[in-house]
Amino acid sequence: VLTRALGLIGAVALLLVPAGHLSVMLLVVSLLGGATFLTQTYRETALFARLPTAGAANLYSAVQTLALLCSVPAAALAGAVFAAAPRGLFVLIAAVCALLLGLAVWLAGREGRQS
């Protein structure tokens, strides 16, 4: 949940960076990069904790391939949104981060009830 909250904070902060403030932009992008790295690390840890011992490498490979197949068209979509409305792309990023934060909170609550 913390990593998704950091991602949301970074996405919203990206919308508030004034034009020409490169150092602030680099700081915000670093925050977003850190949140992305932590999210991927957590995803892999959670995945490995739930995979059966037999065939874990194949399942992990399938998850990585699926993530790659989703990320490739995302770049083209981001380019199209940016071409249509540059600020709209960052609003979309913030909205997706908020959606992911909501999903993380829901999953954390669900995990707590099952324990």
N, C-alpha and C. Protein backbone atom coordinates (compact mmCIF):
# COMPACT_ATOMS: atom_id res chain seq x y z
N VAL A 1 0.83 -1.18 0.00
CA VAL A 1 0.00 0.00 0.00
C VAL A 1 0.89 1.26 0.00
N LEU A 2 1.96 1.21 0.77
CA LEU A 2 2.86 2.36 0.86
C LEU A 2 3.46 2.71 -0.50
N THR A 3 3.87 1.69 -1.25
CA THR A 3 4.48 1.98 -2.56
C THR A 3 3.49 2.60 -3.52
N ARG A 4 2.25 2.16 -3.47
CA ARG A 4 1.24 2.74 -4.37
C ARG A 4 0.90 4.16 -3.91
N ALA A 5 0.91 4.39 -2.59
CA ALA A 5 0.68 5.75 -2.10
C ALA A 5 1.80 6.68 -2.57
N LEU A 6 3.05 6.19 -2.53
CA LEU A 6 4.17 6.99 -3.04
C LEU A 6 4.00 7.27 -4.53
N GLY A 7 3.54 6.28 -5.26
CA GLY A 7 3.30 6.48 -6.69
C GLY A 7 2.23 7.53 -6.95
N LEU A 8 1.18 7.50 -6.16
CA LEU A 8 0.11 8.50 -6.30
C LEU A 8 0.62 9.90 -5.95
N ILE A 9 1.38 9.99 -4.87
CA ILE A 9 1.95 11.28 -4.48
C ILE A 9 2.86 11.81 -5.59
N GLY A 10 3.69 10.93 -6.14
CA GLY A 10 4.59 11.33 -7.23
C GLY A 10 3.84 11.77 -8.47
N ALA A 11 2.77 11.05 -8.81
CA ALA A 11 1.99 11.40 -10.00
C ALA A 11 1.29 12.74 -9.84
N VAL A 12 0.74 12.98 -8.67
CA VAL A 12 0.08 14.26 -8.42
C VAL A 12 1.12 15.38 -8.37
N ALA A 13 2.27 15.11 -7.75
CA ALA A 13 3.33 16.12 -7.69
C ALA A 13 3.83 16.47 -9.08
N LEU A 14 3.82 15.51 -9.97
CA LEU A 14 4.24 15.76 -11.35
C LEU A 14 3.35 16.80 -12.02
N LEU A 15 2.08 16.78 -11.66
CA LEU A 15 1.15 17.76 -12.22
C LEU A 15 1.40 19.16 -11.67
N LEU A 16 2.02 19.24 -10.51
CA LEU A 16 2.20 20.53 -9.85
C LEU A 16 3.57 21.17 -10.07
N VAL A 17 4.47 20.47 -10.76
CA VAL A 17 5.81 21.02 -10.99
C VAL A 17 5.71 22.19 -11.96
N PRO A 18 6.19 23.36 -11.56
CA PRO A 18 6.14 24.51 -12.45
C PRO A 18 7.10 24.34 -13.64
N ALA A 19 6.76 24.93 -14.75
CA ALA A 19 7.60 24.86 -15.94
C ALA A 19 8.97 25.45 -15.64
N GLY A 20 10.01 24.79 -16.12
CA GLY A 20 11.36 25.30 -15.97
C GLY A 20 12.08 24.90 -14.70
N HIS A 21 11.45 24.16 -13.83
CA HIS A 21 12.07 23.74 -12.58
C HIS A 21 12.60 22.30 -12.73
N LEU A 22 13.74 22.17 -13.35
CA LEU A 22 14.30 20.86 -13.67
C LEU A 22 14.65 20.06 -12.41
N SER A 23 15.19 20.71 -11.40
CA SER A 23 15.58 19.98 -10.19
C SER A 23 14.36 19.38 -9.49
N VAL A 24 13.27 20.11 -9.44
CA VAL A 24 12.04 19.61 -8.83
C VAL A 24 11.48 18.46 -9.66
N MET A 25 11.54 18.60 -10.98
CA MET A 25 11.06 17.55 -11.87
C MET A 25 11.87 16.27 -11.66
N LEU A 26 13.19 16.39 -11.55
CA LEU A 26 14.03 15.21 -11.33
C LEU A 26 13.72 14.55 -9.99
N LEU A 27 13.45 15.35 -8.98
CA LEU A 27 13.10 14.81 -7.67
C LEU A 27 11.79 14.02 -7.74
N VAL A 28 10.80 14.59 -8.41
CA VAL A 28 9.50 13.93 -8.53
C VAL A 28 9.61 12.65 -9.37
N VAL A 29 10.36 12.71 -10.46
CA VAL A 29 10.53 11.52 -11.29
C VAL A 29 11.30 10.44 -10.52
N SER A 30 12.23 10.85 -9.67
CA SER A 30 12.94 9.88 -8.82
C SER A 30 11.97 9.21 -7.85
N LEU A 31 11.05 9.96 -7.29
CA LEU A 31 10.04 9.40 -6.41
C LEU A 31 9.18 8.38 -7.15
N LEU A 32 8.77 8.73 -8.37
CA LEU A 32 7.97 7.80 -9.17
C LEU A 32 8.76 6.55 -9.52
N GLY A 33 10.03 6.72 -9.88
CA GLY A 33 10.88 5.58 -10.19
C GLY A 33 11.06 4.67 -8.99
N GLY A 34 11.26 5.26 -7.82
CA GLY A 34 11.39 4.47 -6.60
C GLY A 34 10.12 3.70 -6.28
N ALA A 35 8.99 4.34 -6.45
CA ALA A 35 7.71 3.66 -6.20
C ALA A 35 7.51 2.51 -7.17
N THR A 36 7.89 2.71 -8.42
CA THR A 36 7.77 1.64 -9.42
C THR A 36 8.69 0.47 -9.06
N PHE A 37 9.94 0.78 -8.69
CA PHE A 37 10.88 -0.27 -8.31
C PHE A 37 10.38 -1.06 -7.11
N LEU A 38 9.89 -0.37 -6.09
CA LEU A 38 9.39 -1.05 -4.89
C LEU A 38 8.15 -1.90 -5.21
N THR A 39 7.30 -1.40 -6.10
CA THR A 39 6.11 -2.16 -6.48
C THR A 39 6.50 -3.45 -7.19
N GLN A 40 7.45 -3.36 -8.12
CA GLN A 40 7.88 -4.56 -8.84
C GLN A 40 8.55 -5.55 -7.90
N THR A 41 9.35 -5.05 -6.97
CA THR A 41 10.02 -5.93 -6.02
C THR A 41 8.99 -6.64 -5.14
N TYR A 42 8.00 -5.89 -4.66
CA TYR A 42 6.96 -6.49 -3.83
C TYR A 42 6.15 -7.50 -4.62
N ARG A 43 5.82 -7.16 -5.87
CA ARG A 43 5.04 -8.07 -6.72
C ARG A 43 5.77 -9.40 -6.89
N GLU A 44 7.08 -9.33 -7.16
CA GLU A 44 7.86 -10.55 -7.35
C GLU A 44 7.96 -11.36 -6.05
N THR A 45 8.14 -10.68 -4.93
CA THR A 45 8.21 -11.37 -3.65
C THR A 45 6.89 -12.06 -3.32
N ALA A 46 5.80 -11.36 -3.51
CA ALA A 46 4.48 -11.94 -3.24
C ALA A 46 4.20 -13.10 -4.18
N LEU A 47 4.62 -12.96 -5.42
CA LEU A 47 4.41 -14.03 -6.40
C LEU A 47 5.18 -15.28 -6.01
N PHE A 48 6.47 -15.12 -5.69
CA PHE A 48 7.29 -16.28 -5.33
C PHE A 48 6.80 -16.94 -4.05
N ALA A 49 6.24 -16.18 -3.14
CA ALA A 49 5.74 -16.77 -1.90
C ALA A 49 4.54 -17.67 -2.14
N ARG A 50 3.84 -17.45 -3.24
CA ARG A 50 2.62 -18.21 -3.51
C ARG A 50 2.78 -19.26 -4.60
N LEU A 51 3.90 -19.29 -5.29
CA LEU A 51 4.11 -20.26 -6.36
C LEU A 51 4.45 -21.62 -5.80
N PRO A 52 3.97 -22.67 -6.45
CA PRO A 52 4.39 -24.00 -6.04
C PRO A 52 5.87 -24.19 -6.40
N THR A 53 6.56 -25.06 -5.69
CA THR A 53 7.98 -25.27 -5.93
C THR A 53 8.21 -25.82 -7.33
N ALA A 54 7.41 -26.79 -7.72
CA ALA A 54 7.56 -27.37 -9.05
C ALA A 54 6.97 -26.42 -10.09
N GLY A 55 7.77 -26.06 -11.07
CA GLY A 55 7.30 -25.20 -12.16
C GLY A 55 7.31 -23.72 -11.84
N ALA A 56 7.95 -23.32 -10.74
CA ALA A 56 7.97 -21.91 -10.35
C ALA A 56 8.65 -21.05 -11.41
N ALA A 57 9.71 -21.55 -12.00
CA ALA A 57 10.44 -20.77 -13.01
C ALA A 57 9.56 -20.53 -14.23
N ASN A 58 8.81 -21.53 -14.65
CA ASN A 58 7.92 -21.36 -15.81
C ASN A 58 6.80 -20.36 -15.52
N LEU A 59 6.23 -20.45 -14.32
CA LEU A 59 5.17 -19.51 -13.96
C LEU A 59 5.70 -18.09 -13.84
N TYR A 60 6.87 -17.94 -13.25
CA TYR A 60 7.48 -16.62 -13.13
C TYR A 60 7.77 -16.05 -14.51
N SER A 61 8.28 -16.88 -15.41
CA SER A 61 8.55 -16.45 -16.77
C SER A 61 7.27 -16.00 -17.47
N ALA A 62 6.17 -16.71 -17.24
CA ALA A 62 4.89 -16.34 -17.84
C ALA A 62 4.41 -14.98 -17.32
N VAL A 63 4.58 -14.75 -16.02
CA VAL A 63 4.18 -13.46 -15.44
C VAL A 63 5.01 -12.33 -16.04
N GLN A 64 6.32 -12.53 -16.16
CA GLN A 64 7.19 -11.50 -16.74
C GLN A 64 6.83 -11.23 -18.20
N THR A 65 6.51 -12.28 -18.95
CA THR A 65 6.11 -12.12 -20.36
C THR A 65 4.81 -11.35 -20.46
N LEU A 66 3.86 -11.66 -19.60
CA LEU A 66 2.59 -10.93 -19.60
C LEU A 66 2.79 -9.46 -19.26
N ALA A 67 3.65 -9.18 -18.28
CA ALA A 67 3.95 -7.79 -17.92
C ALA A 67 4.57 -7.05 -19.11
N LEU A 68 5.47 -7.72 -19.82
CA LEU A 68 6.10 -7.10 -20.99
C LEU A 68 5.08 -6.85 -22.09
N LEU A 69 4.21 -7.81 -22.34
CA LEU A 69 3.20 -7.64 -23.40
C LEU A 69 2.22 -6.52 -23.08
N CYS A 70 1.99 -6.26 -21.81
CA CYS A 70 1.11 -5.15 -21.42
C CYS A 70 1.83 -3.81 -21.50
N SER A 71 3.14 -3.81 -21.22
CA SER A 71 3.87 -2.54 -21.19
C SER A 71 4.19 -2.00 -22.58
N VAL A 72 4.34 -2.86 -23.57
CA VAL A 72 4.69 -2.39 -24.92
C VAL A 72 3.57 -1.52 -25.51
N PRO A 73 2.32 -1.97 -25.54
CA PRO A 73 1.28 -1.09 -26.08
C PRO A 73 1.00 0.12 -25.18
N ALA A 74 1.36 0.03 -23.91
CA ALA A 74 1.14 1.17 -23.00
C ALA A 74 1.96 2.37 -23.44
N ALA A 75 3.16 2.14 -23.98
CA ALA A 75 3.99 3.24 -24.46
C ALA A 75 3.33 3.96 -25.63
N ALA A 76 2.78 3.21 -26.56
CA ALA A 76 2.09 3.82 -27.71
C ALA A 76 0.85 4.58 -27.25
N LEU A 77 0.13 4.01 -26.30
CA LEU A 77 -1.06 4.68 -25.76
C LEU A 77 -0.67 5.98 -25.06
N ALA A 78 0.40 5.93 -24.28
CA ALA A 78 0.88 7.14 -23.59
C ALA A 78 1.27 8.21 -24.59
N GLY A 79 1.94 7.81 -25.67
CA GLY A 79 2.32 8.77 -26.71
C GLY A 79 1.11 9.40 -27.37
N ALA A 80 0.08 8.60 -27.63
CA ALA A 80 -1.14 9.13 -28.25
C ALA A 80 -1.87 10.09 -27.32
N VAL A 81 -1.95 9.73 -26.04
CA VAL A 81 -2.61 10.62 -25.08
C VAL A 81 -1.83 11.92 -24.94
N PHE A 82 -0.49 11.83 -24.88
CA PHE A 82 0.33 13.03 -24.76
C PHE A 82 0.20 13.92 -25.98
N ALA A 83 0.13 13.32 -27.17
CA ALA A 83 -0.02 14.11 -28.40
C ALA A 83 -1.35 14.84 -28.41
N ALA A 84 -2.39 14.21 -27.87
CA ALA A 84 -3.71 14.84 -27.85
C ALA A 84 -3.82 15.90 -26.76
N ALA A 85 -3.30 15.59 -25.57
CA ALA A 85 -3.38 16.53 -24.44
C ALA A 85 -2.24 16.21 -23.48
N PRO A 86 -1.15 16.97 -23.55
CA PRO A 86 0.02 16.66 -22.71
C PRO A 86 -0.31 16.55 -21.23
N ARG A 87 -1.10 17.44 -20.70
CA ARG A 87 -1.45 17.37 -19.27
C ARG A 87 -2.36 16.18 -18.99
N GLY A 88 -3.13 15.79 -19.97
CA GLY A 88 -4.02 14.65 -19.82
C GLY A 88 -3.29 13.36 -19.51
N LEU A 89 -2.09 13.21 -20.05
CA LEU A 89 -1.31 12.01 -19.77
C LEU A 89 -0.99 11.92 -18.28
N PHE A 90 -0.61 13.03 -17.69
CA PHE A 90 -0.24 13.01 -16.28
C PHE A 90 -1.46 12.86 -15.38
N VAL A 91 -2.58 13.37 -15.81
CA VAL A 91 -3.83 13.14 -15.09
C VAL A 91 -4.19 11.65 -15.15
N LEU A 92 -4.00 11.05 -16.32
CA LEU A 92 -4.25 9.61 -16.48
C LEU A 92 -3.33 8.79 -15.59
N ILE A 93 -2.05 9.17 -15.53
CA ILE A 93 -1.10 8.47 -14.66
C ILE A 93 -1.54 8.57 -13.20
N ALA A 94 -1.96 9.76 -12.77
CA ALA A 94 -2.42 9.94 -11.40
C ALA A 94 -3.67 9.11 -11.14
N ALA A 95 -4.57 9.04 -12.11
CA ALA A 95 -5.80 8.26 -11.94
C ALA A 95 -5.48 6.77 -11.83
N VAL A 96 -4.56 6.28 -12.65
CA VAL A 96 -4.17 4.87 -12.57
C VAL A 96 -3.49 4.58 -11.24
N CYS A 97 -2.65 5.50 -10.76
CA CYS A 97 -2.01 5.32 -9.45
C CYS A 97 -3.06 5.28 -8.34
N ALA A 98 -4.08 6.11 -8.42
CA ALA A 98 -5.14 6.11 -7.42
C ALA A 98 -5.91 4.79 -7.47
N LEU A 99 -6.18 4.30 -8.67
CA LEU A 99 -6.85 3.02 -8.83
C LEU A 99 -6.02 1.88 -8.24
N LEU A 100 -4.72 1.89 -8.51
CA LEU A 100 -3.83 0.86 -7.96
C LEU A 100 -3.72 0.96 -6.45
N LEU A 101 -3.74 2.17 -5.92
CA LEU A 101 -3.72 2.33 -4.46
C LEU A 101 -4.99 1.73 -3.86
N GLY A 102 -6.12 2.01 -4.46
CA GLY A 102 -7.38 1.42 -3.99
C GLY A 102 -7.35 -0.10 -4.04
N LEU A 103 -6.80 -0.65 -5.12
CA LEU A 103 -6.67 -2.10 -5.24
C LEU A 103 -5.75 -2.66 -4.17
N ALA A 104 -4.63 -1.97 -3.91
CA ALA A 104 -3.69 -2.43 -2.89
C ALA A 104 -4.33 -2.43 -1.51
N VAL A 105 -5.09 -1.38 -1.20
CA VAL A 105 -5.78 -1.31 0.10
C VAL A 105 -6.80 -2.44 0.22
N TRP A 106 -7.54 -2.68 -0.84
CA TRP A 106 -8.54 -3.74 -0.83
C TRP A 106 -7.88 -5.11 -0.65
N LEU A 107 -6.80 -5.36 -1.39
CA LEU A 107 -6.09 -6.63 -1.27
C LEU A 107 -5.46 -6.81 0.11
N ALA A 108 -4.90 -5.73 0.68
CA ALA A 108 -4.32 -5.81 2.02
C ALA A 108 -5.41 -6.13 3.04
N GLY A 109 -6.57 -5.53 2.92
CA GLY A 109 -7.67 -5.82 3.83
C GLY A 109 -8.16 -7.25 3.68
N ARG A 110 -8.20 -7.71 2.46
CA ARG A 110 -8.63 -9.08 2.19
C ARG A 110 -7.63 -10.08 2.77
N GLU A 111 -6.35 -9.79 2.62
CA GLU A 111 -5.29 -10.65 3.15
C GLU A 111 -5.38 -10.70 4.68
N GLY A 112 -5.67 -9.55 5.31
CA GLY A 112 -5.78 -9.51 6.76
C GLY A 112 -6.95 -10.32 7.29
N ARG A 113 -8.06 -10.33 6.54
CA ARG A 113 -9.24 -11.10 6.96
C ARG A 113 -9.01 -12.60 6.82
N GLN A 114 -8.18 -13.01 5.85
CA GLN A 114 -7.93 -14.43 5.63
C GLN A 114 -6.94 -15.00 6.64
N SER A 115 -6.13 -14.15 7.26
CA SER A 115 -5.12 -14.64 8.21
C SER A 115 -5.71 -15.00 9.54
